[in-house]
Amino acid sequence: MTRGEMWWAETPEGGRRPHLILTRAAATDVLNRLLCVPATRTVRFIPTEVRLDGDDGMPQVCALTLDNIRPLPKAALRDFICTLSDERMHQVCRALSVAVDC
């Protein structure tokens, strides 16, 4: 598990949905919880959102909404989906910057 990977996660409040790992790669081996952002099928085209599709390795069109970052236990991350490209991760970082207003 490392930064930039998409995993299917099981959460009590959200059920099974894809999540992107945001935690820096150097810390993922030593932490029990990782900073993640869930994907949603509702694409709203807002500045804090990054749209993903089959070209990214996702099974269907979805969006990462960087307003919804949360820590997840590693055990919640069940099945690997794909690794996002450097270009897509730059888009994620820009959306995160907008989400936290810095």
N, C-alpha and C. Protein backbone atom coordinates (compact mmCIF):
# COMPACT_ATOMS: atom_id res chain seq x y z
N MET A 1 0.84 -1.19 0.00
CA MET A 1 0.00 0.00 0.00
C MET A 1 0.88 1.24 0.00
N THR A 2 0.60 2.12 -0.95
CA THR A 2 1.39 3.35 -1.01
C THR A 2 0.58 4.49 -1.63
N ARG A 3 1.10 5.68 -1.50
CA ARG A 3 0.44 6.88 -2.03
C ARG A 3 0.16 6.72 -3.52
N GLY A 4 -1.04 7.15 -3.92
CA GLY A 4 -1.42 7.11 -5.32
C GLY A 4 -2.15 5.85 -5.74
N GLU A 5 -2.28 4.89 -4.82
CA GLU A 5 -3.00 3.66 -5.16
C GLU A 5 -4.47 3.78 -4.81
N MET A 6 -5.30 3.17 -5.65
CA MET A 6 -6.74 3.07 -5.40
C MET A 6 -7.02 1.67 -4.88
N TRP A 7 -7.80 1.59 -3.79
CA TRP A 7 -8.16 0.32 -3.17
C TRP A 7 -9.66 0.31 -2.89
N TRP A 8 -10.27 -0.88 -3.00
CA TRP A 8 -11.63 -1.06 -2.51
C TRP A 8 -11.54 -1.09 -0.99
N ALA A 9 -12.36 -0.28 -0.32
CA ALA A 9 -12.36 -0.23 1.14
C ALA A 9 -13.76 -0.52 1.66
N GLU A 10 -13.81 -1.17 2.81
CA GLU A 10 -15.07 -1.45 3.52
C GLU A 10 -15.13 -0.53 4.73
N THR A 11 -16.15 0.34 4.76
CA THR A 11 -16.33 1.22 5.91
C THR A 11 -17.76 1.09 6.43
N PRO A 12 -17.96 1.22 7.74
CA PRO A 12 -19.30 1.08 8.30
C PRO A 12 -20.29 2.09 7.72
N GLU A 13 -19.84 3.33 7.51
CA GLU A 13 -20.78 4.36 7.05
C GLU A 13 -20.94 4.40 5.54
N GLY A 14 -19.95 3.93 4.79
CA GLY A 14 -20.01 4.05 3.34
C GLY A 14 -20.08 2.75 2.57
N GLY A 15 -20.03 1.62 3.29
CA GLY A 15 -20.03 0.34 2.60
C GLY A 15 -18.74 0.15 1.82
N ARG A 16 -18.84 -0.54 0.69
CA ARG A 16 -17.67 -0.82 -0.14
C ARG A 16 -17.57 0.23 -1.25
N ARG A 17 -16.45 0.95 -1.26
CA ARG A 17 -16.23 1.94 -2.32
C ARG A 17 -14.72 2.14 -2.50
N PRO A 18 -14.32 2.61 -3.68
CA PRO A 18 -12.89 2.85 -3.92
C PRO A 18 -12.39 4.04 -3.10
N HIS A 19 -11.14 3.93 -2.65
CA HIS A 19 -10.47 5.00 -1.93
C HIS A 19 -9.06 5.18 -2.48
N LEU A 20 -8.63 6.43 -2.54
CA LEU A 20 -7.26 6.76 -2.93
C LEU A 20 -6.43 6.98 -1.67
N ILE A 21 -5.24 6.39 -1.61
CA ILE A 21 -4.32 6.62 -0.50
C ILE A 21 -3.56 7.93 -0.75
N LEU A 22 -3.64 8.85 0.23
CA LEU A 22 -2.95 10.14 0.15
C LEU A 22 -1.71 10.21 1.04
N THR A 23 -1.63 9.36 2.04
CA THR A 23 -0.49 9.37 2.97
C THR A 23 0.81 9.25 2.20
N ARG A 24 1.82 10.03 2.61
CA ARG A 24 3.12 9.98 1.93
C ARG A 24 3.69 8.57 1.98
N ALA A 25 4.35 8.18 0.91
CA ALA A 25 4.85 6.81 0.75
C ALA A 25 5.78 6.40 1.89
N ALA A 26 6.59 7.31 2.39
CA ALA A 26 7.55 6.98 3.45
C ALA A 26 6.87 6.57 4.75
N ALA A 27 5.60 6.92 4.93
CA ALA A 27 4.90 6.64 6.18
C ALA A 27 3.93 5.47 6.11
N THR A 28 3.60 4.99 4.93
CA THR A 28 2.55 3.98 4.82
C THR A 28 2.90 2.66 5.50
N ASP A 29 4.18 2.31 5.56
CA ASP A 29 4.57 1.05 6.20
C ASP A 29 4.50 1.11 7.72
N VAL A 30 4.62 2.30 8.30
CA VAL A 30 4.69 2.40 9.75
C VAL A 30 3.38 2.84 10.41
N LEU A 31 2.45 3.34 9.65
CA LEU A 31 1.18 3.81 10.21
C LEU A 31 0.12 2.71 10.15
N ASN A 32 -0.79 2.71 11.13
CA ASN A 32 -1.91 1.77 11.13
C ASN A 32 -3.12 2.33 10.40
N ARG A 33 -3.19 3.65 10.28
CA ARG A 33 -4.28 4.33 9.57
C ARG A 33 -3.66 5.19 8.49
N LEU A 34 -4.31 5.21 7.33
CA LEU A 34 -3.81 5.99 6.19
C LEU A 34 -4.83 7.06 5.82
N LEU A 35 -4.33 8.20 5.40
CA LEU A 35 -5.19 9.29 4.94
C LEU A 35 -5.70 8.93 3.55
N CYS A 36 -7.02 8.88 3.39
CA CYS A 36 -7.63 8.42 2.13
C CYS A 36 -8.75 9.35 1.71
N VAL A 37 -9.08 9.27 0.44
CA VAL A 37 -10.23 10.01 -0.09
C VAL A 37 -11.11 9.02 -0.84
N PRO A 38 -12.41 8.98 -0.51
CA PRO A 38 -13.31 8.06 -1.19
C PRO A 38 -13.70 8.55 -2.58
N ALA A 39 -14.02 7.61 -3.43
CA ALA A 39 -14.54 7.92 -4.76
C ALA A 39 -16.06 7.83 -4.73
N THR A 40 -16.70 8.61 -5.58
CA THR A 40 -18.15 8.59 -5.71
C THR A 40 -18.53 8.55 -7.18
N ARG A 41 -19.67 7.97 -7.48
CA ARG A 41 -20.15 7.96 -8.86
C ARG A 41 -20.83 9.28 -9.24
N THR A 42 -21.05 10.15 -8.25
CA THR A 42 -21.65 11.45 -8.51
C THR A 42 -20.55 12.44 -8.88
N VAL A 43 -20.48 12.79 -10.15
CA VAL A 43 -19.48 13.74 -10.63
C VAL A 43 -20.14 15.12 -10.69
N ARG A 44 -19.59 16.08 -9.94
CA ARG A 44 -20.22 17.40 -9.84
C ARG A 44 -19.43 18.51 -10.53
N PHE A 45 -18.22 18.19 -11.01
CA PHE A 45 -17.39 19.17 -11.72
C PHE A 45 -17.10 20.41 -10.86
N ILE A 46 -16.70 20.16 -9.61
CA ILE A 46 -16.32 21.24 -8.71
C ILE A 46 -14.79 21.25 -8.57
N PRO A 47 -14.19 22.36 -8.14
CA PRO A 47 -12.72 22.46 -8.11
C PRO A 47 -12.03 21.51 -7.14
N THR A 48 -12.76 20.97 -6.18
CA THR A 48 -12.16 20.04 -5.21
C THR A 48 -12.32 18.59 -5.63
N GLU A 49 -12.68 18.39 -6.87
CA GLU A 49 -12.98 17.05 -7.39
C GLU A 49 -12.02 16.69 -8.52
N VAL A 50 -11.67 15.40 -8.59
CA VAL A 50 -10.86 14.87 -9.70
C VAL A 50 -11.62 13.69 -10.29
N ARG A 51 -11.93 13.79 -11.56
CA ARG A 51 -12.68 12.75 -12.26
C ARG A 51 -11.74 11.63 -12.69
N LEU A 52 -12.17 10.38 -12.48
CA LEU A 52 -11.41 9.20 -12.89
C LEU A 52 -12.27 8.34 -13.81
N ASP A 53 -11.61 7.58 -14.70
CA ASP A 53 -12.35 6.69 -15.59
C ASP A 53 -11.50 5.47 -15.94
N GLY A 54 -11.91 4.75 -16.95
CA GLY A 54 -11.22 3.53 -17.36
C GLY A 54 -9.77 3.76 -17.75
N ASP A 55 -9.45 4.92 -18.29
CA ASP A 55 -8.06 5.24 -18.64
C ASP A 55 -7.16 5.28 -17.40
N ASP A 56 -7.76 5.53 -16.25
CA ASP A 56 -7.02 5.55 -14.98
C ASP A 56 -6.94 4.15 -14.35
N GLY A 57 -7.70 3.21 -14.91
CA GLY A 57 -7.75 1.87 -14.34
C GLY A 57 -8.97 1.61 -13.47
N MET A 58 -9.89 2.57 -13.46
CA MET A 58 -11.10 2.42 -12.65
C MET A 58 -12.17 1.66 -13.43
N PRO A 59 -12.97 0.84 -12.74
CA PRO A 59 -13.99 0.05 -13.43
C PRO A 59 -15.12 0.89 -14.01
N GLN A 60 -15.34 2.10 -13.48
CA GLN A 60 -16.36 2.99 -14.03
C GLN A 60 -16.00 4.43 -13.71
N VAL A 61 -16.66 5.36 -14.38
CA VAL A 61 -16.42 6.78 -14.14
C VAL A 61 -16.79 7.11 -12.70
N CYS A 62 -15.92 7.86 -12.04
CA CYS A 62 -16.16 8.28 -10.67
C CYS A 62 -15.39 9.57 -10.41
N ALA A 63 -15.51 10.09 -9.21
CA ALA A 63 -14.79 11.30 -8.84
C ALA A 63 -14.27 11.17 -7.42
N LEU A 64 -13.07 11.70 -7.22
CA LEU A 64 -12.51 11.85 -5.88
C LEU A 64 -12.87 13.25 -5.42
N THR A 65 -13.52 13.38 -4.28
CA THR A 65 -13.87 14.69 -3.75
C THR A 65 -12.97 14.97 -2.56
N LEU A 66 -12.02 15.86 -2.76
CA LEU A 66 -11.00 16.12 -1.75
C LEU A 66 -11.53 16.85 -0.53
N ASP A 67 -12.81 17.19 -0.53
CA ASP A 67 -13.45 17.74 0.66
C ASP A 67 -13.73 16.64 1.69
N ASN A 68 -13.60 15.38 1.29
CA ASN A 68 -14.01 14.26 2.13
C ASN A 68 -12.85 13.37 2.57
N ILE A 69 -11.69 13.94 2.81
CA ILE A 69 -10.53 13.16 3.24
C ILE A 69 -10.77 12.62 4.65
N ARG A 70 -10.30 11.38 4.87
CA ARG A 70 -10.44 10.78 6.20
C ARG A 70 -9.38 9.71 6.41
N PRO A 71 -9.01 9.47 7.68
CA PRO A 71 -8.09 8.36 7.95
C PRO A 71 -8.87 7.04 7.96
N LEU A 72 -8.27 6.02 7.38
CA LEU A 72 -8.87 4.68 7.40
C LEU A 72 -7.85 3.69 7.94
N PRO A 73 -8.31 2.70 8.72
CA PRO A 73 -7.39 1.64 9.12
C PRO A 73 -6.95 0.87 7.88
N LYS A 74 -5.70 0.44 7.86
CA LYS A 74 -5.21 -0.34 6.72
C LYS A 74 -6.08 -1.56 6.47
N ALA A 75 -6.60 -2.15 7.54
CA ALA A 75 -7.43 -3.35 7.42
C ALA A 75 -8.70 -3.10 6.61
N ALA A 76 -9.14 -1.84 6.52
CA ALA A 76 -10.34 -1.51 5.74
C ALA A 76 -10.07 -1.55 4.24
N LEU A 77 -8.80 -1.39 3.86
CA LEU A 77 -8.42 -1.40 2.45
C LEU A 77 -8.24 -2.86 2.03
N ARG A 78 -9.15 -3.35 1.21
CA ARG A 78 -9.22 -4.79 0.94
C ARG A 78 -8.60 -5.23 -0.37
N ASP A 79 -8.96 -4.59 -1.48
CA ASP A 79 -8.56 -5.07 -2.80
C ASP A 79 -7.97 -3.93 -3.62
N PHE A 80 -6.77 -4.16 -4.15
CA PHE A 80 -6.09 -3.17 -4.99
C PHE A 80 -6.85 -3.00 -6.30
N ILE A 81 -6.98 -1.75 -6.76
CA ILE A 81 -7.64 -1.47 -8.04
C ILE A 81 -6.62 -1.01 -9.07
N CYS A 82 -5.88 0.06 -8.78
CA CYS A 82 -4.93 0.62 -9.75
C CYS A 82 -4.04 1.64 -9.06
N THR A 83 -3.04 2.11 -9.78
CA THR A 83 -2.19 3.22 -9.32
C THR A 83 -2.41 4.39 -10.26
N LEU A 84 -2.70 5.55 -9.71
CA LEU A 84 -2.93 6.73 -10.54
C LEU A 84 -1.62 7.27 -11.10
N SER A 85 -1.69 7.85 -12.27
CA SER A 85 -0.51 8.42 -12.93
C SER A 85 -0.02 9.66 -12.17
N ASP A 86 1.23 10.04 -12.43
CA ASP A 86 1.77 11.26 -11.82
C ASP A 86 0.93 12.47 -12.20
N GLU A 87 0.50 12.53 -13.45
CA GLU A 87 -0.34 13.65 -13.90
C GLU A 87 -1.64 13.72 -13.10
N ARG A 88 -2.27 12.56 -12.91
CA ARG A 88 -3.53 12.53 -12.16
C ARG A 88 -3.28 12.92 -10.69
N MET A 89 -2.16 12.47 -10.13
CA MET A 89 -1.86 12.83 -8.74
C MET A 89 -1.59 14.33 -8.60
N HIS A 90 -1.03 14.96 -9.62
CA HIS A 90 -0.87 16.42 -9.59
C HIS A 90 -2.24 17.10 -9.55
N GLN A 91 -3.21 16.54 -10.28
CA GLN A 91 -4.58 17.07 -10.23
C GLN A 91 -5.17 16.90 -8.84
N VAL A 92 -4.89 15.74 -8.22
CA VAL A 92 -5.36 15.49 -6.85
C VAL A 92 -4.76 16.54 -5.91
N CYS A 93 -3.48 16.81 -6.04
CA CYS A 93 -2.82 17.79 -5.17
C CYS A 93 -3.40 19.19 -5.36
N ARG A 94 -3.71 19.55 -6.59
CA ARG A 94 -4.33 20.86 -6.85
C ARG A 94 -5.71 20.94 -6.20
N ALA A 95 -6.49 19.87 -6.34
CA ALA A 95 -7.83 19.84 -5.74
C ALA A 95 -7.74 19.87 -4.21
N LEU A 96 -6.74 19.20 -3.65
CA LEU A 96 -6.53 19.23 -2.20
C LEU A 96 -6.18 20.65 -1.74
N SER A 97 -5.36 21.33 -2.50
CA SER A 97 -5.00 22.71 -2.17
C SER A 97 -6.24 23.60 -2.12
N VAL A 98 -7.15 23.40 -3.06
CA VAL A 98 -8.40 24.17 -3.07
C VAL A 98 -9.25 23.78 -1.86
N ALA A 99 -9.31 22.49 -1.55
CA ALA A 99 -10.15 22.01 -0.45
C ALA A 99 -9.73 22.58 0.90
N VAL A 100 -8.42 22.74 1.09
CA VAL A 100 -7.93 23.24 2.38
C VAL A 100 -7.56 24.72 2.31
N ASP A 101 -7.81 25.34 1.16
CA ASP A 101 -7.62 26.78 0.97
C ASP A 101 -6.21 27.24 1.29
N CYS A 102 -5.22 26.52 0.73
CA CYS A 102 -3.83 26.97 0.92
C CYS A 102 -3.04 26.84 -0.37
